[in-house]
Amino acid sequence: MKNREKYFQSDLQSRRKFIQKTAFICGIPQIIKASALGMNGAISANSRLNMGCIGVGGQGTRQMAGGIWAPEGGFISQPSVKVIAVCDANKNNVERAKKIVDQRYNNSDCAVYRDFRELLARKDIDLVLIATGERWHPYLGAYAARLGKDIYSEKPVSLTVYEARVLANTVKQYGVIYQIGTQQRSMNNFRFACELVRNGYIGEIKTVAADVTGGIGHCDLPAEPVPDWLDWDLWLGPAPWRPYNSRIVGGWMAYFDYSGGDMTNWGAHVFDIVQWGLGMDDSGPSDVIPPDGQKFKHLTYIYPGNIVVERKSIPGMSKGIMFVGTKGVVKVSREVFETEPTSLMKVKIKPNEIHLHYSTNHHTDFLNSVKTRTRNASDAEVACHSITVSHIGNIAEQLGRPLKWDAANEKFINDDEANKMLARPMRAPWVL
């Protein structure tokens, strides 16, 4: 930790100048937190960082307080963090979250907000947990970044490729730390699987199977009375307005206006590991081909080196990835890790070989990144490129034809219709 503190202090002047210059150019107030400048030990190992949580439904509560996908106990179990405010358009959610936080700290100090802008206006908040639906993720992430807050966001990072790019650029411009909740990058089996692939232990990669389902529908549910515990207009946010229906709030991932379906929900995890294993964190495929019932039976991506990635089920696994090379096979999911030959399970990655980012706790990895101002397992650029794979797959299936993808410029080649689908208008007054 002494080395981290030394690094942080040595980087103090450059970050101060960067933040001040950016604020001047963009014409915004110079909101420079003590935590951003390393003042008063605000970000030292012995100090607590103040966190505000936006979106405290089921997944937001799990990330805040622990649960099945946060077995380490959530952010309130981290000794360097104190949750001081919670926010949600759902009054029931926010009251439950406040109760959990107050019980954890044995006080009644946790502030409650309906409007995220009031929470983010607080200068004493250093970190933000964003766990709304993805219709809100890019807007809230960019808004928080412009205010100098460090951000842990639930996946998927966006509804569109354009939104993901704007968010990544904004995070970079304002010099904040951002981590997306693709916690598989903090699980040993996924890291080891990708290290085996990256270091050539299964030879030249030929095919990859990615177990993600597809499909997304349009909502035609009837109107219902809005319950008094919900701010429906704020819940919708940038999404198109439509009458309230309880099935939307409980199952919004099924509808196009609010989600990319399982392709973005689980694809944010599965294609992320495909990208990691292929060494494509800063790039992506060159072609995306929807199933045609003949040559291409599955949604197919072509990566550099003519590597074929297919979206299809893998026997004996759920939501897993299977890398197939000329010398062997690696299969990995949250429940399964298998290799062919089995001897690969005992491989020790040599010091001179590729070692991927090491993390065993996604929350701790984010907090270490905040303290050291160094890159974490799943930053905004990684999130942008990984979710792009899911988005362009959805677009290819919607159009029903093969598409050529320019990964460097993040656009389709010679296809105006497809390129128009890379962005969606946000409902006023919300603008990225």
Foldseek 3Di string as FASTA:
>chain_A
DVVLLVLLQVCQVVQVVLLVVLCVVVVHDSLQACLSRCPPVCQPPQAAAEEEEEDQDDVSVCQCANDDLAPVGHDLPDPRYQYAEYEALFQVRQVVSQVRRCVSVVHNRRYYYHDVVVVLVDSRHAEYEYEAFQCCQLQVLLVSLNNNHAYEYEDDNHLFLVSLVVSQVSNVSSLHFYFYPLCVLQAVLLQLLLLCLQQQVQHAWAEKEFAWDADAAADDDDADDDDPRGPVCVSCFQFDDDHDDPCCVVPVLRHSSGHRHRLGVLLLNRLLSVCSSVVNLQFAFFKWFDDDVPPRNFTWTAHPVRYIYGHDDDPPDHRWMWTHHPRWIWIDDPVDTQIVVRCSVVDDDDPPGDRAFHHNHQVVQSSSCSSNVDHGSGTSSSSSRSSLVSNLNSLCVVVVGMWGADGVVGATDPDPVSRVSNDDGTDPPRDD
